[in-house]
Amino acid sequence: MQGIGSLWLAVVASADLLRRLAGECDHVVAVDRGLDALLGAGLGCDVYVGDVDTVSDAGRALVDAATEFEVERHDPYKDYTDLALALDSVCRRWPGAEVVATCATGGRPDMALSVLGLLAGYEDAPIWIAEDKVVARILHAGESWTIEGAEGKTFSIIAIAPNTEVSEHGLEWELDHSPLGLLADTGISNIVRSTAEIEVHTGTAIAYLLHQGFIGTVGEYENP
């Protein structure tokens, strides 16, 4: 995948996932304590962005003496989150870059919701969230996602903007130009049955594909 690996730390992803993503992306951006996650996986970065307020002593020392990567260090008393500043850096350095974010969906719920809002505001190119148990893509109006080889897995789509309309085919329950209420549960816990085609006609939605089999509402588990 051509893109930028944007690493923001809320909960630490596995070292294997970080290594795979770093190998697939052209550049790696460490966002604040995401640097520690990279170091723990034996990886480096191209750019560090953050205020160093949550970085370990070892990570802070590395930032202070950085020679092998660029540093965009910010005052902790700032108006924007480190992720917002990192996305701004990506736009300036690599206009139109595809972004893959990891370590971005756990921890504080207020920060998690803010992360989705920030990532949804990035409209230069496709933007993905990759975690150990799920991959997600933010889809703006006119964008689509073809999912292959995922039969039996759980799929969900949630509108994160008003007036969102979607179509989805190749799933147990299909939609055709159907409106989704903002943050409504209409698209939760579907099942992939064949090659799936997901399209957002208006608005913005986030689509999730769980790596494991279908998880039903009463705890059923089915291997793909």
Protein backbone atom coordinates (compact mmCIF):
# COMPACT_ATOMS: atom_id res chain seq x y z
CA MET A 1 0.00 0.00 0.00
CA GLN A 2 1.28 3.42 -0.89
CA GLY A 3 0.69 5.64 2.08
CA ILE A 4 1.83 7.12 5.34
CA GLY A 5 1.89 5.06 8.54
CA SER A 6 0.58 7.50 11.11
CA LEU A 7 1.14 6.09 14.60
CA TRP A 8 -0.82 7.61 17.47
CA LEU A 9 -0.81 5.81 20.80
CA ALA A 10 -3.91 5.19 22.86
CA VAL A 11 -3.40 1.47 23.35
CA VAL A 12 -0.34 -0.32 22.04
CA ALA A 13 -0.80 -2.46 18.96
CA SER A 14 1.23 -5.64 18.66
CA ALA A 15 4.81 -5.40 17.46
CA ASP A 16 3.96 -7.71 14.56
CA LEU A 17 1.23 -5.35 13.34
CA LEU A 18 3.52 -2.33 13.60
CA ARG A 19 6.26 -4.10 11.67
CA ARG A 20 3.86 -5.15 8.93
CA LEU A 21 2.39 -1.68 8.53
CA ALA A 22 5.82 -0.03 8.55
CA GLY A 23 6.89 -2.41 5.80
CA GLU A 24 3.85 -1.62 3.67
CA CYS A 25 4.01 2.18 3.95
CA ASP A 26 6.39 4.63 2.33
CA HIS A 27 6.81 6.79 5.43
CA VAL A 28 6.20 6.40 9.16
CA VAL A 29 5.08 9.27 11.38
CA ALA A 30 5.34 8.76 15.14
CA VAL A 31 2.74 10.78 17.02
CA ASP A 32 3.82 11.55 20.58
CA ARG A 33 4.04 8.28 22.61
CA GLY A 34 3.55 6.32 19.41
CA LEU A 35 7.33 6.65 19.28
CA ASP A 36 7.59 4.26 22.24
CA ALA A 37 5.42 1.72 20.42
CA LEU A 38 7.75 1.90 17.44
CA LEU A 39 10.85 1.55 19.58
CA GLY A 40 9.34 -1.46 21.33
CA ALA A 41 8.84 -3.10 17.92
CA GLY A 42 12.42 -2.35 16.88
CA LEU A 43 11.29 0.30 14.40
CA GLY A 44 12.15 3.89 13.68
CA CYS A 45 10.24 6.72 12.02
CA ASP A 46 10.72 9.38 9.37
CA VAL A 47 9.09 12.17 11.37
CA TYR A 48 8.14 12.64 15.02
CA VAL A 49 5.25 14.99 15.82
CA GLY A 50 4.18 15.82 19.36
CA ASP A 51 4.76 17.68 22.59
CA VAL A 52 6.70 14.80 24.23
CA ASP A 53 4.45 14.95 27.31
CA THR A 54 3.69 11.21 27.39
CA VAL A 55 6.88 9.83 25.84
CA SER A 56 9.17 7.65 27.94
CA ASP A 57 12.51 8.98 29.16
CA ALA A 58 14.26 6.92 26.49
CA GLY A 59 11.96 8.26 23.79
CA ARG A 60 12.38 11.84 24.99
CA ALA A 61 16.16 11.49 24.90
CA LEU A 62 15.91 10.16 21.37
CA VAL A 63 13.77 13.15 20.31
CA ASP A 64 16.16 15.59 21.98
CA ALA A 65 19.15 14.16 20.12
CA ALA A 66 17.38 13.17 16.89
CA THR A 67 19.60 12.83 13.84
CA GLU A 68 17.96 9.96 11.95
CA PHE A 69 14.45 11.42 11.80
CA GLU A 70 12.86 14.86 11.66
CA VAL A 71 11.19 16.35 14.71
CA GLU A 72 8.19 18.65 14.87
CA ARG A 73 8.05 19.42 18.58
CA HIS A 74 5.19 21.46 19.97
CA ASP A 75 4.46 23.29 23.20
CA PRO A 76 2.18 21.21 25.48
CA TYR A 77 0.04 24.35 25.94
CA LYS A 78 -1.35 24.23 22.41
CA ASP A 79 -4.79 24.43 20.87
CA TYR A 80 -4.59 21.22 18.83
CA THR A 81 -4.01 17.55 19.57
CA ASP A 82 -0.82 15.84 18.46
CA LEU A 83 -2.80 13.86 15.87
CA ALA A 84 -4.23 17.05 14.33
CA LEU A 85 -0.70 18.44 14.05
CA ALA A 86 0.55 15.17 12.57
CA LEU A 87 -2.15 15.17 9.89
CA ASP A 88 -1.23 18.75 9.07
CA SER A 89 2.39 17.64 8.73
CA VAL A 90 1.38 14.82 6.37
CA CYS A 91 -0.58 17.27 4.19
CA ARG A 92 2.41 19.62 3.97
CA ARG A 93 5.04 16.97 3.37
CA TRP A 94 3.19 14.47 1.18
CA PRO A 95 0.10 16.07 -0.41
CA GLY A 96 -2.47 13.48 -1.43
CA ALA A 97 -0.88 10.70 0.60
CA GLU A 98 -2.96 7.69 1.64
CA VAL A 99 -2.91 7.39 5.44
CA VAL A 100 -2.93 4.29 7.63
CA ALA A 101 -3.44 5.01 11.34
CA THR A 102 -2.86 2.50 14.12
CA CYS A 103 -2.98 2.54 17.92
CA ALA A 104 -5.82 4.98 17.42
CA THR A 105 -9.04 3.42 18.65
CA GLY A 106 -8.65 2.62 22.37
CA GLY A 107 -8.04 4.37 25.64
CA ARG A 108 -10.04 7.46 26.55
CA PRO A 109 -13.45 7.53 24.82
CA ASP A 110 -13.33 11.30 24.34
CA MET A 111 -10.01 11.03 22.54
CA ALA A 112 -11.23 8.06 20.47
CA LEU A 113 -14.21 10.07 19.19
CA SER A 114 -11.96 13.04 18.47
CA VAL A 115 -9.62 10.77 16.50
CA LEU A 116 -12.49 9.66 14.25
CA GLY A 117 -13.47 13.28 13.68
CA LEU A 118 -9.92 14.26 12.75
CA LEU A 119 -9.44 11.31 10.43
CA ALA A 120 -12.82 11.95 8.79
CA GLY A 121 -11.67 15.49 8.06
CA TYR A 122 -8.74 14.19 6.00
CA GLU A 123 -10.14 14.12 2.47
CA ASP A 124 -6.94 14.20 0.40
CA ALA A 125 -6.83 10.41 -0.14
CA PRO A 126 -8.12 7.14 1.36
CA ILE A 127 -7.63 6.85 5.11
CA TRP A 128 -7.49 3.58 7.02
CA ILE A 129 -7.38 2.46 10.63
CA ALA A 130 -5.52 -0.82 11.16
CA GLU A 131 -5.55 -2.58 14.53
CA ASP A 132 -4.82 -6.15 15.60
CA LYS A 133 -8.48 -7.19 15.53
CA VAL A 134 -10.02 -4.85 12.97
CA VAL A 135 -9.36 -2.84 9.85
CA ALA A 136 -11.51 0.18 9.10
CA ARG A 137 -11.83 2.70 6.32
CA ILE A 138 -13.40 6.14 6.39
CA LEU A 139 -15.52 6.63 3.28
CA HIS A 140 -16.55 10.05 2.03
CA ALA A 141 -19.25 10.72 -0.56
CA GLY A 142 -18.42 9.00 -3.83
CA GLU A 143 -15.89 6.59 -2.30
CA SER A 144 -16.19 2.79 -2.21
CA TRP A 145 -14.46 -0.23 -0.68
CA THR A 146 -14.28 -3.68 -2.26
CA ILE A 147 -13.71 -6.44 0.31
CA GLU A 148 -12.48 -9.81 -0.94
CA GLY A 149 -11.71 -13.07 0.84
CA ALA A 150 -13.55 -12.13 4.05
CA GLU A 151 -16.49 -14.54 3.96
CA GLY A 152 -17.97 -15.15 7.42
CA LYS A 153 -16.39 -12.10 9.03
CA THR A 154 -18.20 -9.31 10.85
CA PHE A 155 -18.74 -6.02 9.03
CA SER A 156 -20.21 -2.80 10.40
CA ILE A 157 -20.75 0.65 8.94
CA ILE A 158 -21.62 3.77 10.93
CA ALA A 159 -22.52 7.23 9.67
CA ILE A 160 -20.26 9.91 11.15
CA ALA A 161 -21.83 12.82 9.29
CA PRO A 162 -25.46 13.89 8.79
CA ASN A 163 -27.35 12.92 5.62
CA THR A 164 -25.26 9.82 4.94
CA GLU A 165 -26.55 7.38 2.32
CA VAL A 166 -24.90 4.04 1.57
CA SER A 167 -25.16 0.87 -0.49
CA GLU A 168 -23.64 -2.46 0.52
CA HIS A 169 -23.76 -5.74 -1.37
CA GLY A 170 -22.27 -9.17 -0.75
CA LEU A 171 -23.41 -9.12 2.89
CA GLU A 172 -26.09 -11.04 4.81
CA TRP A 173 -28.19 -7.88 5.03
CA GLU A 174 -27.79 -5.57 2.06
CA LEU A 175 -28.56 -1.88 1.64
CA ASP A 176 -29.32 0.03 -1.55
CA HIS A 177 -29.02 3.82 -1.37
CA SER A 178 -30.21 3.61 2.22
CA PRO A 179 -29.97 6.53 4.64
CA LEU A 180 -28.00 5.98 7.85
CA GLY A 181 -28.76 8.11 10.87
CA LEU A 182 -25.83 9.85 12.48
CA LEU A 183 -24.09 7.28 14.74
CA ALA A 184 -27.13 5.00 14.37
CA ASP A 185 -26.87 1.22 14.69
CA THR A 186 -28.50 0.28 11.37
CA GLY A 187 -25.26 -1.02 9.91
CA ILE A 188 -23.87 -2.81 12.98
CA SER A 189 -22.85 -6.51 12.99
CA ASN A 190 -23.46 -7.61 9.43
CA ILE A 191 -21.84 -10.72 7.91
CA VAL A 192 -19.73 -10.87 4.75
CA ARG A 193 -21.11 -13.58 2.44
CA SER A 194 -19.11 -12.97 -0.78
CA THR A 195 -17.01 -10.23 -2.35
CA ALA A 196 -18.51 -7.15 -0.71
CA GLU A 197 -19.00 -3.75 -2.33
CA ILE A 198 -19.48 -0.82 0.01
CA GLU A 199 -20.28 2.64 -1.36
CA VAL A 200 -21.09 5.94 0.31
CA HIS A 201 -23.26 8.15 -1.89
CA THR A 202 -23.61 11.14 0.42
CA GLY A 203 -22.18 12.09 3.79
CA THR A 204 -19.35 10.21 5.54
CA ALA A 205 -19.20 6.77 7.16
CA ILE A 206 -16.65 4.54 8.83
CA ALA A 207 -16.69 0.89 7.78
CA TYR A 208 -15.20 -1.82 10.03
CA LEU A 209 -14.10 -5.33 9.09
CA LEU A 210 -13.26 -7.57 12.04
CA HIS A 211 -10.47 -10.05 11.45
CA GLN A 212 -12.28 -12.83 13.31
CA GLY A 213 -15.52 -14.56 12.39
CA PHE A 214 -19.01 -13.21 12.95
CA ILE A 215 -19.85 -12.15 16.48
CA GLY A 216 -23.60 -12.16 17.05
CA THR A 217 -25.56 -10.14 19.54
CA VAL A 218 -25.73 -13.03 22.00
CA GLY A 219 -22.10 -14.07 21.69
CA GLU A 220 -22.19 -16.62 18.86
CA TYR A 221 -18.85 -17.19 17.16
CA GLU A 222 -18.43 -18.61 13.69
CA ASN A 223 -15.06 -19.22 12.08
CA PRO A 224 -14.86 -18.02 8.47
